[in-house]
Amino acid sequence: MSDTIARDKLELFGIDSVCEQIATGKSMTVIARDCDVSIGALLSWIEAEPERSARVRDVRISMARYWDEKAESCLELAPDDF
């Protein structure tokens, strides 16, 4: 697939959709597959514009914090010390 076709597919999908997908827990690999592009094309498209890159970075940081808190909560509620 050409870079232009991949870029067009990603532009149609949009950065809002990419961020929403990340926020629902989808991996970048799954998002790329859903857009019918390679993971490399998705990552290149994100990095091509500082605003896109910043938005994805922010949502990934938020999700990492969420999962850290979730893990901590599970550990605190564990019935034993493992």
N, C-alpha and C. Protein backbone atom coordinates (compact mmCIF):
# COMPACT_ATOMS: atom_id res chain seq x y z
N MET A 1 0.85 -1.18 0.00
CA MET A 1 0.00 0.00 0.00
C MET A 1 0.89 1.23 0.00
N SER A 2 0.52 2.21 -0.77
CA SER A 2 1.35 3.42 -0.85
C SER A 2 1.15 4.28 0.40
N ASP A 3 2.16 5.11 0.66
CA ASP A 3 2.08 6.02 1.81
C ASP A 3 0.89 6.96 1.68
N THR A 4 0.59 7.38 0.46
CA THR A 4 -0.52 8.30 0.23
C THR A 4 -1.85 7.65 0.58
N ILE A 5 -2.04 6.41 0.19
CA ILE A 5 -3.30 5.71 0.50
C ILE A 5 -3.44 5.53 2.00
N ALA A 6 -2.36 5.12 2.67
CA ALA A 6 -2.39 4.95 4.12
C ALA A 6 -2.70 6.27 4.81
N ARG A 7 -2.04 7.33 4.36
CA ARG A 7 -2.27 8.65 4.94
C ARG A 7 -3.73 9.08 4.75
N ASP A 8 -4.27 8.85 3.56
CA ASP A 8 -5.67 9.20 3.30
C ASP A 8 -6.62 8.43 4.20
N LYS A 9 -6.36 7.14 4.39
CA LYS A 9 -7.20 6.33 5.28
C LYS A 9 -7.15 6.87 6.71
N LEU A 10 -5.96 7.23 7.15
CA LEU A 10 -5.82 7.74 8.51
C LEU A 10 -6.45 9.12 8.66
N GLU A 11 -6.34 9.95 7.65
CA GLU A 11 -6.99 11.27 7.70
C GLU A 11 -8.51 11.10 7.80
N LEU A 12 -9.06 10.13 7.08
CA LEU A 12 -10.50 9.87 7.17
C LEU A 12 -10.88 9.37 8.55
N PHE A 13 -10.07 8.49 9.12
CA PHE A 13 -10.34 7.96 10.46
C PHE A 13 -10.21 9.08 11.49
N GLY A 14 -9.17 9.87 11.38
CA GLY A 14 -8.98 11.06 12.20
C GLY A 14 -8.32 10.82 13.54
N ILE A 15 -7.67 11.87 14.01
CA ILE A 15 -6.97 11.79 15.29
C ILE A 15 -7.94 11.64 16.45
N ASP A 16 -9.13 12.22 16.34
CA ASP A 16 -10.12 12.05 17.42
C ASP A 16 -10.46 10.58 17.60
N SER A 17 -10.66 9.88 16.50
CA SER A 17 -10.99 8.46 16.56
C SER A 17 -9.82 7.64 17.10
N VAL A 18 -8.62 7.98 16.68
CA VAL A 18 -7.44 7.27 17.20
C VAL A 18 -7.38 7.42 18.71
N CYS A 19 -7.55 8.65 19.19
CA CYS A 19 -7.49 8.90 20.63
C CYS A 19 -8.62 8.18 21.37
N GLU A 20 -9.80 8.17 20.80
CA GLU A 20 -10.93 7.46 21.42
C GLU A 20 -10.63 5.96 21.51
N GLN A 21 -10.04 5.41 20.46
CA GLN A 21 -9.72 3.99 20.45
C GLN A 21 -8.67 3.68 21.53
N ILE A 22 -7.68 4.52 21.66
CA ILE A 22 -6.66 4.32 22.69
C ILE A 22 -7.32 4.38 24.07
N ALA A 23 -8.23 5.33 24.25
CA ALA A 23 -8.90 5.50 25.53
C ALA A 23 -9.80 4.32 25.89
N THR A 24 -10.21 3.54 24.90
CA THR A 24 -11.02 2.36 25.19
C THR A 24 -10.14 1.13 25.42
N GLY A 25 -8.83 1.32 25.34
CA GLY A 25 -7.92 0.23 25.64
C GLY A 25 -7.37 -0.52 24.43
N LYS A 26 -7.69 -0.06 23.24
CA LYS A 26 -7.16 -0.73 22.05
C LYS A 26 -5.68 -0.41 21.89
N SER A 27 -4.94 -1.40 21.43
CA SER A 27 -3.51 -1.20 21.18
C SER A 27 -3.33 -0.48 19.84
N MET A 28 -2.15 0.07 19.66
CA MET A 28 -1.84 0.74 18.40
C MET A 28 -1.90 -0.25 17.25
N THR A 29 -1.50 -1.49 17.49
CA THR A 29 -1.55 -2.52 16.45
C THR A 29 -2.98 -2.78 16.01
N VAL A 30 -3.90 -2.86 16.96
CA VAL A 30 -5.30 -3.10 16.63
C VAL A 30 -5.89 -1.89 15.90
N ILE A 31 -5.54 -0.71 16.34
CA ILE A 31 -6.04 0.50 15.67
C ILE A 31 -5.55 0.53 14.22
N ALA A 32 -4.28 0.22 14.01
CA ALA A 32 -3.74 0.20 12.64
C ALA A 32 -4.49 -0.83 11.80
N ARG A 33 -4.71 -2.01 12.37
CA ARG A 33 -5.43 -3.06 11.63
C ARG A 33 -6.85 -2.60 11.30
N ASP A 34 -7.52 -1.96 12.26
CA ASP A 34 -8.88 -1.46 12.02
C ASP A 34 -8.91 -0.40 10.92
N CYS A 35 -7.83 0.36 10.78
CA CYS A 35 -7.73 1.38 9.73
C CYS A 35 -7.21 0.80 8.42
N ASP A 36 -6.84 -0.46 8.44
CA ASP A 36 -6.30 -1.16 7.27
C ASP A 36 -4.98 -0.52 6.80
N VAL A 37 -4.14 -0.19 7.78
CA VAL A 37 -2.81 0.34 7.49
C VAL A 37 -1.80 -0.41 8.37
N SER A 38 -0.54 -0.26 8.06
CA SER A 38 0.49 -0.88 8.89
C SER A 38 0.69 -0.08 10.17
N ILE A 39 1.24 -0.73 11.18
CA ILE A 39 1.55 -0.03 12.42
C ILE A 39 2.57 1.09 12.14
N GLY A 40 3.50 0.83 11.24
CA GLY A 40 4.48 1.86 10.87
C GLY A 40 3.83 3.09 10.26
N ALA A 41 2.82 2.85 9.39
CA ALA A 41 2.12 3.98 8.77
C ALA A 41 1.36 4.78 9.82
N LEU A 42 0.73 4.08 10.77
CA LEU A 42 -0.01 4.78 11.84
C LEU A 42 0.94 5.61 12.67
N LEU A 43 2.04 5.03 13.09
CA LEU A 43 2.99 5.77 13.93
C LEU A 43 3.62 6.93 13.18
N SER A 44 3.92 6.75 11.91
CA SER A 44 4.48 7.85 11.10
C SER A 44 3.48 8.97 10.95
N TRP A 45 2.21 8.62 10.73
CA TRP A 45 1.16 9.63 10.58
C TRP A 45 1.00 10.42 11.87
N ILE A 46 1.02 9.74 13.00
CA ILE A 46 0.89 10.42 14.29
C ILE A 46 2.06 11.38 14.50
N GLU A 47 3.27 10.91 14.22
CA GLU A 47 4.47 11.71 14.46
C GLU A 47 4.66 12.84 13.44
N ALA A 48 3.94 12.80 12.34
CA ALA A 48 4.12 13.81 11.28
C ALA A 48 3.68 15.20 11.71
N GLU A 49 2.78 15.28 12.69
CA GLU A 49 2.31 16.58 13.16
C GLU A 49 2.43 16.65 14.68
N PRO A 50 3.07 17.69 15.19
CA PRO A 50 3.26 17.81 16.63
C PRO A 50 1.95 17.76 17.43
N GLU A 51 0.88 18.34 16.90
CA GLU A 51 -0.39 18.33 17.63
C GLU A 51 -0.93 16.90 17.77
N ARG A 52 -0.86 16.14 16.67
CA ARG A 52 -1.31 14.74 16.73
C ARG A 52 -0.47 13.95 17.72
N SER A 53 0.83 14.14 17.63
CA SER A 53 1.75 13.43 18.51
C SER A 53 1.46 13.76 19.98
N ALA A 54 1.23 15.03 20.27
CA ALA A 54 0.95 15.45 21.64
C ALA A 54 -0.37 14.86 22.14
N ARG A 55 -1.38 14.84 21.29
CA ARG A 55 -2.68 14.30 21.71
C ARG A 55 -2.59 12.81 22.01
N VAL A 56 -1.90 12.08 21.16
CA VAL A 56 -1.74 10.64 21.40
C VAL A 56 -0.91 10.40 22.65
N ARG A 57 0.15 11.16 22.82
CA ARG A 57 0.99 11.02 24.01
C ARG A 57 0.16 11.27 25.27
N ASP A 58 -0.67 12.32 25.25
CA ASP A 58 -1.49 12.65 26.42
C ASP A 58 -2.48 11.55 26.76
N VAL A 59 -3.15 11.00 25.74
CA VAL A 59 -4.14 9.96 26.02
C VAL A 59 -3.44 8.68 26.47
N ARG A 60 -2.28 8.39 25.93
CA ARG A 60 -1.54 7.20 26.37
C ARG A 60 -1.05 7.36 27.81
N ILE A 61 -0.63 8.55 28.17
CA ILE A 61 -0.23 8.81 29.56
C ILE A 61 -1.43 8.65 30.49
N SER A 62 -2.57 9.19 30.08
CA SER A 62 -3.78 9.05 30.89
C SER A 62 -4.17 7.60 31.09
N MET A 63 -4.08 6.82 30.03
CA MET A 63 -4.42 5.40 30.13
C MET A 63 -3.41 4.65 30.99
N ALA A 64 -2.14 5.00 30.91
CA ALA A 64 -1.14 4.36 31.76
C ALA A 64 -1.43 4.65 33.23
N ARG A 65 -1.81 5.87 33.53
CA ARG A 65 -2.17 6.22 34.91
C ARG A 65 -3.39 5.44 35.36
N TYR A 66 -4.37 5.34 34.48
CA TYR A 66 -5.59 4.58 34.80
C TYR A 66 -5.24 3.14 35.16
N TRP A 67 -4.43 2.49 34.31
CA TRP A 67 -4.10 1.08 34.56
C TRP A 67 -3.21 0.92 35.78
N ASP A 68 -2.34 1.89 36.05
CA ASP A 68 -1.55 1.85 37.29
C ASP A 68 -2.46 1.89 38.51
N GLU A 69 -3.43 2.79 38.48
CA GLU A 69 -4.37 2.91 39.60
C GLU A 69 -5.22 1.65 39.74
N LYS A 70 -5.64 1.09 38.62
CA LYS A 70 -6.43 -0.13 38.63
C LYS A 70 -5.64 -1.28 39.24
N ALA A 71 -4.39 -1.42 38.84
CA ALA A 71 -3.53 -2.47 39.39
C ALA A 71 -3.32 -2.28 40.89
N GLU A 72 -3.08 -1.05 41.29
CA GLU A 72 -2.88 -0.76 42.71
C GLU A 72 -4.13 -1.11 43.51
N SER A 73 -5.28 -0.77 42.97
CA SER A 73 -6.54 -1.09 43.63
C SER A 73 -6.73 -2.59 43.77
N CYS A 74 -6.41 -3.34 42.73
CA CYS A 74 -6.52 -4.81 42.79
C CYS A 74 -5.60 -5.39 43.86
N LEU A 75 -4.41 -4.84 43.93
CA LEU A 75 -3.46 -5.32 44.95
C LEU A 75 -3.95 -5.01 46.36
N GLU A 76 -4.50 -3.83 46.54
CA GLU A 76 -5.01 -3.45 47.86
C GLU A 76 -6.19 -4.31 48.28
N LEU A 77 -7.00 -4.74 47.33
CA LEU A 77 -8.19 -5.53 47.63
C LEU A 77 -7.91 -7.03 47.64
N ALA A 78 -6.69 -7.43 47.35
CA ALA A 78 -6.36 -8.85 47.31
C ALA A 78 -6.56 -9.48 48.68
N PRO A 79 -7.14 -10.68 48.73
CA PRO A 79 -7.43 -11.32 50.02
C PRO A 79 -6.18 -11.79 50.76
N ASP A 80 -5.05 -11.90 50.07
CA ASP A 80 -3.81 -12.30 50.74
C ASP A 80 -2.64 -11.55 50.12
N ASP A 81 -1.47 -11.78 50.66
CA ASP A 81 -0.28 -11.06 50.18
C ASP A 81 0.40 -11.78 49.02
N PHE A 82 -0.32 -12.69 48.38
CA PHE A 82 0.21 -13.48 47.28
C PHE A 82 1.29 -14.40 47.81
